[in-house]
Structure formats: structure tokens, C-alpha cells
Protein backbone atom coordinates (compact mmCIF):
# COMPACT_ATOMS: atom_id res chain seq x y z
CA ILE A 1 197.18 -55.08 -141.74
CA ARG A 2 196.02 -56.27 -138.31
CA VAL A 3 193.10 -58.31 -139.65
CA LEU A 4 195.26 -59.64 -142.49
CA GLY A 5 197.77 -60.85 -139.89
CA ASP A 6 195.04 -62.38 -137.72
CA LEU A 7 193.73 -64.31 -140.71
CA SER A 8 196.94 -65.48 -142.32
CA ILE A 9 200.00 -65.32 -140.02
CA LYS A 10 200.38 -67.83 -137.17
CA ASP A 11 203.05 -65.95 -135.17
CA PHE A 12 201.44 -62.54 -135.71
CA ASN A 13 200.71 -60.43 -132.61
CA HIS A 14 197.03 -61.34 -132.20
CA TYR A 15 196.52 -58.99 -129.26
CA ARG A 16 193.18 -57.71 -130.61
CA VAL A 17 191.44 -61.02 -129.94
CA ALA A 18 190.81 -59.52 -126.53
CA VAL A 19 187.78 -57.93 -128.24
CA HIS A 20 187.54 -60.43 -131.13
CA PRO A 21 187.55 -63.55 -128.91
CA LEU A 22 187.62 -66.50 -131.34
CA PHE A 23 188.35 -64.75 -134.62
CA VAL A 24 191.71 -66.39 -135.24
CA ILE A 25 190.73 -69.98 -134.46
CA SER A 26 187.48 -69.61 -136.41
CA PHE A 27 188.86 -68.30 -139.70
CA GLN A 28 192.65 -68.59 -139.98
CA PRO A 29 192.52 -72.39 -140.61
CA ILE A 30 190.13 -71.76 -143.51
CA VAL A 31 192.39 -69.05 -144.96
CA VAL A 32 195.42 -71.35 -144.65
CA ILE A 33 193.62 -74.01 -146.71
CA LEU A 34 192.47 -71.47 -149.30
CA LYS A 35 196.00 -70.06 -149.50
CA ILE A 36 197.21 -73.48 -150.67
CA ILE A 37 194.70 -73.26 -153.52
CA PHE A 38 195.18 -69.61 -154.49
CA CYS A 39 198.87 -69.24 -153.46
CA ASP A 40 198.12 -65.77 -152.08
CA SER A 41 196.76 -64.77 -148.67
CA VAL A 42 194.91 -61.67 -149.86
CA ILE A 43 193.14 -63.50 -152.69
CA ALA A 44 192.25 -66.32 -150.29
CA ILE A 45 190.73 -63.86 -147.80
CA ILE A 46 188.80 -61.93 -150.45
CA PHE A 47 187.45 -65.22 -151.84
CA LEU A 48 186.38 -66.31 -148.34
CA GLN A 49 184.69 -62.97 -147.72
CA GLY A 50 182.88 -63.21 -151.05
CA VAL A 51 181.53 -66.64 -150.11
CA ILE A 52 180.55 -65.38 -146.66
CA SER A 53 178.79 -62.36 -148.15
CA SER A 54 176.88 -64.60 -150.58
CA ILE A 55 175.75 -66.95 -147.81
CA SER A 56 174.72 -63.95 -145.68
CA THR A 57 172.59 -62.64 -148.55
CA LEU A 58 170.94 -66.05 -148.98
CA LEU A 59 170.16 -66.22 -145.25
CA ILE A 60 168.77 -62.69 -145.33
CA TYR A 61 166.43 -63.87 -148.10
CA LYS A 62 165.29 -66.67 -145.78
CA ILE A 63 164.77 -64.19 -142.94
CA PHE A 64 162.57 -61.97 -145.11
CA GLY A 65 160.63 -65.09 -146.07
CA LYS A 66 160.01 -65.89 -142.39
CA MET A 67 158.67 -62.35 -142.00
CA ASN A 68 155.86 -63.28 -144.42
CA LEU A 69 156.84 -60.71 -147.03
CA LYS A 70 155.48 -61.11 -150.51
CA LYS A 71 157.93 -62.76 -152.91
CA TYR A 72 158.76 -59.61 -154.86
CA ASN A 73 159.29 -57.65 -151.60
CA GLN A 74 161.42 -60.48 -150.24
CA LEU A 75 163.56 -60.43 -153.39
CA PHE A 76 163.69 -56.61 -153.52
CA PHE A 77 164.94 -56.20 -149.95
CA THR A 78 167.45 -59.03 -150.40
CA ILE A 79 168.90 -57.38 -153.52
CA LEU A 80 168.96 -54.07 -151.64
CA PHE A 81 170.95 -55.75 -148.87
CA GLY A 82 173.32 -57.42 -151.33
CA ILE A 83 174.19 -54.24 -153.22
CA SER A 84 174.31 -51.96 -150.18
CA PHE A 85 177.47 -49.90 -149.79
CA THR A 86 178.56 -51.54 -146.54
CA GLN A 87 178.01 -55.03 -147.90
CA ILE A 88 180.12 -54.37 -151.01
CA LEU A 89 182.77 -52.41 -149.12
CA TYR A 90 183.32 -54.92 -146.33
CA SER A 91 183.17 -57.88 -148.69
CA ALA A 92 186.12 -56.43 -150.62
CA SER A 93 188.13 -54.93 -147.74
CA ILE A 94 189.88 -57.03 -145.12
CA GLU A 95 187.95 -56.22 -141.95
CA THR A 96 186.08 -58.08 -139.21
CA TYR A 97 182.62 -56.67 -139.97
CA ILE A 98 181.60 -59.18 -142.65
CA TYR A 99 182.53 -62.09 -140.33
CA ALA A 100 180.62 -60.66 -137.36
CA GLN A 101 177.57 -60.11 -139.54
CA PHE A 102 177.82 -63.59 -141.02
CA LEU A 103 177.77 -65.28 -137.61
CA LEU A 104 174.83 -63.23 -136.33
CA ILE A 105 172.39 -63.72 -139.22
CA PRO A 106 171.80 -67.47 -138.50
CA LEU A 107 170.96 -66.53 -134.91
CA TRP A 108 168.08 -64.29 -135.96
CA LEU A 109 166.91 -66.76 -138.57
CA PHE A 110 166.75 -69.37 -135.80
CA VAL A 111 164.84 -66.93 -133.59
CA LEU A 112 162.22 -66.39 -136.31
CA CYS A 113 161.90 -70.14 -136.86
CA LYS A 114 161.51 -71.03 -133.16
CA LEU A 115 159.70 -68.01 -131.75
CA ASP A 116 156.95 -69.04 -129.29
CA LYS A 117 157.63 -72.75 -129.88
CA LYS A 118 158.66 -75.40 -127.38
CA LEU A 119 162.39 -76.08 -127.72
CA VAL A 120 163.75 -79.62 -127.90
CA TYR A 121 167.21 -80.98 -127.05
CA TRP A 122 168.74 -80.19 -130.44
CA ASP A 123 167.41 -76.65 -130.35
CA TYR A 124 169.44 -76.02 -127.20
CA ILE A 125 172.54 -77.50 -128.86
CA ILE A 126 172.06 -75.16 -131.81
CA LEU A 127 171.57 -72.23 -129.44
CA VAL A 128 174.87 -73.01 -127.71
CA LEU A 129 176.66 -73.05 -131.07
CA LEU A 130 174.97 -69.82 -132.15
CA GLY A 131 175.91 -68.24 -128.83
CA ILE A 132 179.57 -69.15 -129.30
CA ALA A 133 179.36 -67.84 -132.87
CA SER A 134 177.87 -64.56 -131.66
CA ILE A 135 180.81 -63.87 -129.37
CA ALA A 136 183.45 -65.26 -131.74
CA VAL A 137 184.21 -62.16 -133.82
CA THR A 138 183.10 -59.24 -131.65
CA VAL A 139 182.47 -59.56 -127.93
CA THR A 140 179.70 -56.92 -128.00
CA ASN A 141 177.65 -59.13 -130.36
CA PHE A 142 177.01 -61.37 -127.36
CA VAL A 143 174.41 -58.80 -126.31
CA GLN A 144 172.35 -59.78 -129.35
CA PHE A 145 172.52 -63.40 -128.22
CA LEU A 146 171.19 -62.35 -124.81
CA VAL A 147 168.31 -60.52 -126.51
CA ALA A 148 167.61 -63.66 -128.56
CA ILE A 149 167.52 -65.73 -125.35
CA ILE A 150 164.96 -63.33 -123.88
CA PHE A 151 162.66 -63.84 -126.87
CA LEU A 152 163.19 -67.59 -127.22
CA ILE A 153 163.24 -68.69 -123.59
CA VAL A 154 162.49 -66.03 -120.97
CA LEU A 155 159.29 -64.82 -122.70
CA ASN A 156 158.33 -68.28 -123.97
CA LYS A 157 155.49 -69.64 -121.83
CA LYS A 158 155.84 -73.09 -123.39
CA ILE A 159 159.16 -73.62 -121.58
CA GLU A 160 159.33 -74.65 -117.93
CA LYS A 161 161.83 -73.00 -115.56
CA ARG A 162 162.51 -70.33 -118.17
CA PHE A 163 164.85 -68.16 -116.12
CA ILE A 164 166.96 -71.10 -114.93
CA SER A 165 167.12 -72.53 -118.48
CA ALA A 166 168.27 -69.17 -119.85
CA CYS A 167 170.96 -68.76 -117.17
CA VAL A 168 172.30 -72.29 -117.66
CA LEU A 169 172.42 -71.80 -121.43
CA ILE A 170 174.28 -68.50 -121.11
CA LEU A 171 176.73 -70.04 -118.61
CA ILE A 172 177.44 -72.95 -121.00
CA VAL A 173 178.05 -70.59 -123.92
CA ILE A 174 180.45 -68.43 -121.91
CA SER A 175 182.28 -71.50 -120.52
CA MET A 176 182.68 -73.07 -123.97
CA SER A 177 183.85 -69.76 -125.44
CA VAL A 178 186.47 -69.36 -122.71
CA PHE A 179 187.60 -72.96 -123.27
CA LEU A 180 187.96 -72.39 -127.04
CA ALA A 181 189.84 -69.16 -126.34
CA GLU A 182 192.27 -71.16 -124.21
CA VAL A 183 192.73 -73.67 -127.04
CA GLN A 184 193.32 -70.73 -129.37
CA ASN A 185 195.94 -69.36 -126.98
CA ILE A 186 197.76 -72.71 -126.99
CA ILE A 187 197.88 -72.83 -130.80
CA TRP A 188 198.48 -69.09 -131.22
CA PRO A 189 200.40 -68.01 -128.07
CA ALA A 190 200.15 -64.32 -129.04
CA ALA A 191 196.33 -64.52 -128.86
CA PRO A 192 195.30 -63.83 -125.24
CA ASN A 193 192.23 -65.38 -123.65
CA PHE A 194 189.58 -62.64 -123.90
CA PHE A 195 188.06 -63.59 -120.53
CA SER A 196 191.21 -63.42 -118.39
CA GLU A 197 192.43 -60.43 -120.40
CA GLY A 198 189.15 -58.61 -119.76
CA ILE A 199 189.38 -59.26 -116.01
CA ASN A 200 192.99 -58.08 -115.99
CA ASP A 201 192.10 -54.89 -117.89
CA TYR A 202 189.22 -54.22 -115.51
CA LEU A 203 191.38 -54.62 -112.40
CA ASN A 204 194.24 -52.54 -113.79
CA GLY A 205 192.22 -50.00 -115.76
CA THR A 206 194.06 -50.86 -118.96
CA PHE A 207 191.17 -51.17 -121.40
CA GLU A 208 192.31 -50.30 -124.91
CA GLU A 209 189.44 -47.86 -125.26
CA THR A 210 191.05 -45.62 -122.62
CA LEU A 211 193.83 -44.91 -125.11
CA TYR A 212 191.38 -43.00 -127.29
CA THR A 213 189.33 -41.20 -124.66
CA THR A 214 189.89 -38.25 -122.37
CA LYS A 215 187.95 -37.19 -119.29
CA THR A 216 188.87 -33.50 -119.52
CA LEU A 217 186.34 -31.01 -120.85
CA GLY A 218 187.23 -28.07 -123.03
CA LEU A 219 186.58 -26.23 -126.28
CA LYS A 220 189.57 -27.88 -127.96
CA ASN A 221 188.18 -31.36 -127.32
CA PHE A 222 184.82 -30.29 -128.72
CA ILE A 223 186.45 -28.93 -131.90
CA LYS A 224 188.47 -32.14 -132.35
């Protein structure tokens, strides 16, 4: 219900964007347009997820190709990915996983294409967009973007001032993400800015995860 509301209801309580930073602004406009066509929010979302799953499978095929697999192995592993339980399950159920996966796959395809190559201006622009995309659905996915930056820039001897370039790029991605989160908050007032919300939770010890954890030890906790 929560994800359905985030994707289709403007005045829904979008409190969970604190950990799904740009989920609403990224996908609700698309669902609204599809709803006009299909006249049903659920059908619109399932259609969108089917398209996203298909594109993800196509990009996975490209990734396997960049790994220099033989054609039949490339096709075999792509089919295996497409018919995997998680891929089918999350394509049909209304959850955030399929969106998070969809926005990460282009990042790793880009990494394989540009590994150990000198980056030009447009490559940095693409990296900024991929960085924003990585944090858009799940904030923890940003770690994968940081790993990608290590491979593409920090360990790339063809780039001058590698550490400074990496830091500037990361700072731009975070700044742009916070800016878009603020725009999202203006359009959807119930969607808090993940950055300010995270700082507030840190200072006040009000992280949502603390609702599901306990610091006491005991046999009962182990059995649970």
C-alpha cells in the first residue's frame, strides 16, 4: 500500500522517501500519465514495472556482452536473469526493488564501457546523472556509485587529479540530489527532504530502524 501510494497519490503520506530519496518525483509523474491511458493505477504501475524489467534484461544482456562472454553464454545468463524468481516476483508486485535495480544497471554498464579509459566532459555529465539515479530509489545504493567512482576515477591513471575529481563529482551528485529532493518536497509536501531528515534523525536518535531493533540480550530475543 505504501509504494502504491508513493506512485499514484499526490497527497499520500510519503514519509518513506527519507530512505527512498527521489522515488516519488522520479516515477509518480510517469504513473499519472499511464493512469490516463489505462484508467487504473495498479494496471499502470504493473505496466511500468514490466517495461522497466524488460529494459533491465536488455541492459543485462549488454553487460554480459561487455564481459566478453560467448553469444550462447550471454543469451543463457540473460534468460536466467529474466526468468529468475526475484525478477518475476518484483516485476508483478508493487515494490521499490525493481526500480532500484533498474537505475543501477546502467551505472555498471557505463563502468564496463569506460573502465581504464580517459573520461571526457560528457562522461562526467553521465556520471552525475547515474549518481543521482543511484540514490533516487534507495539511499544505500549510493555506496555502489562510490565503488564505481573508485574504479572509474580513483584507480584510473589516465585521469589527472583523480582524488579531487572524484570528490568534486560526489559533491555535485549529493548537491543535485538534495536540490531535487527539495523540489520534490515543494510538489509533494508530505515527502521530506532525505538529507535534512537524515541529519534530524541522527541528532535526535529517531532513525526508523530503531523501531525494529533492541539492544537487550536474552534467550527470548534469540528465539524470536
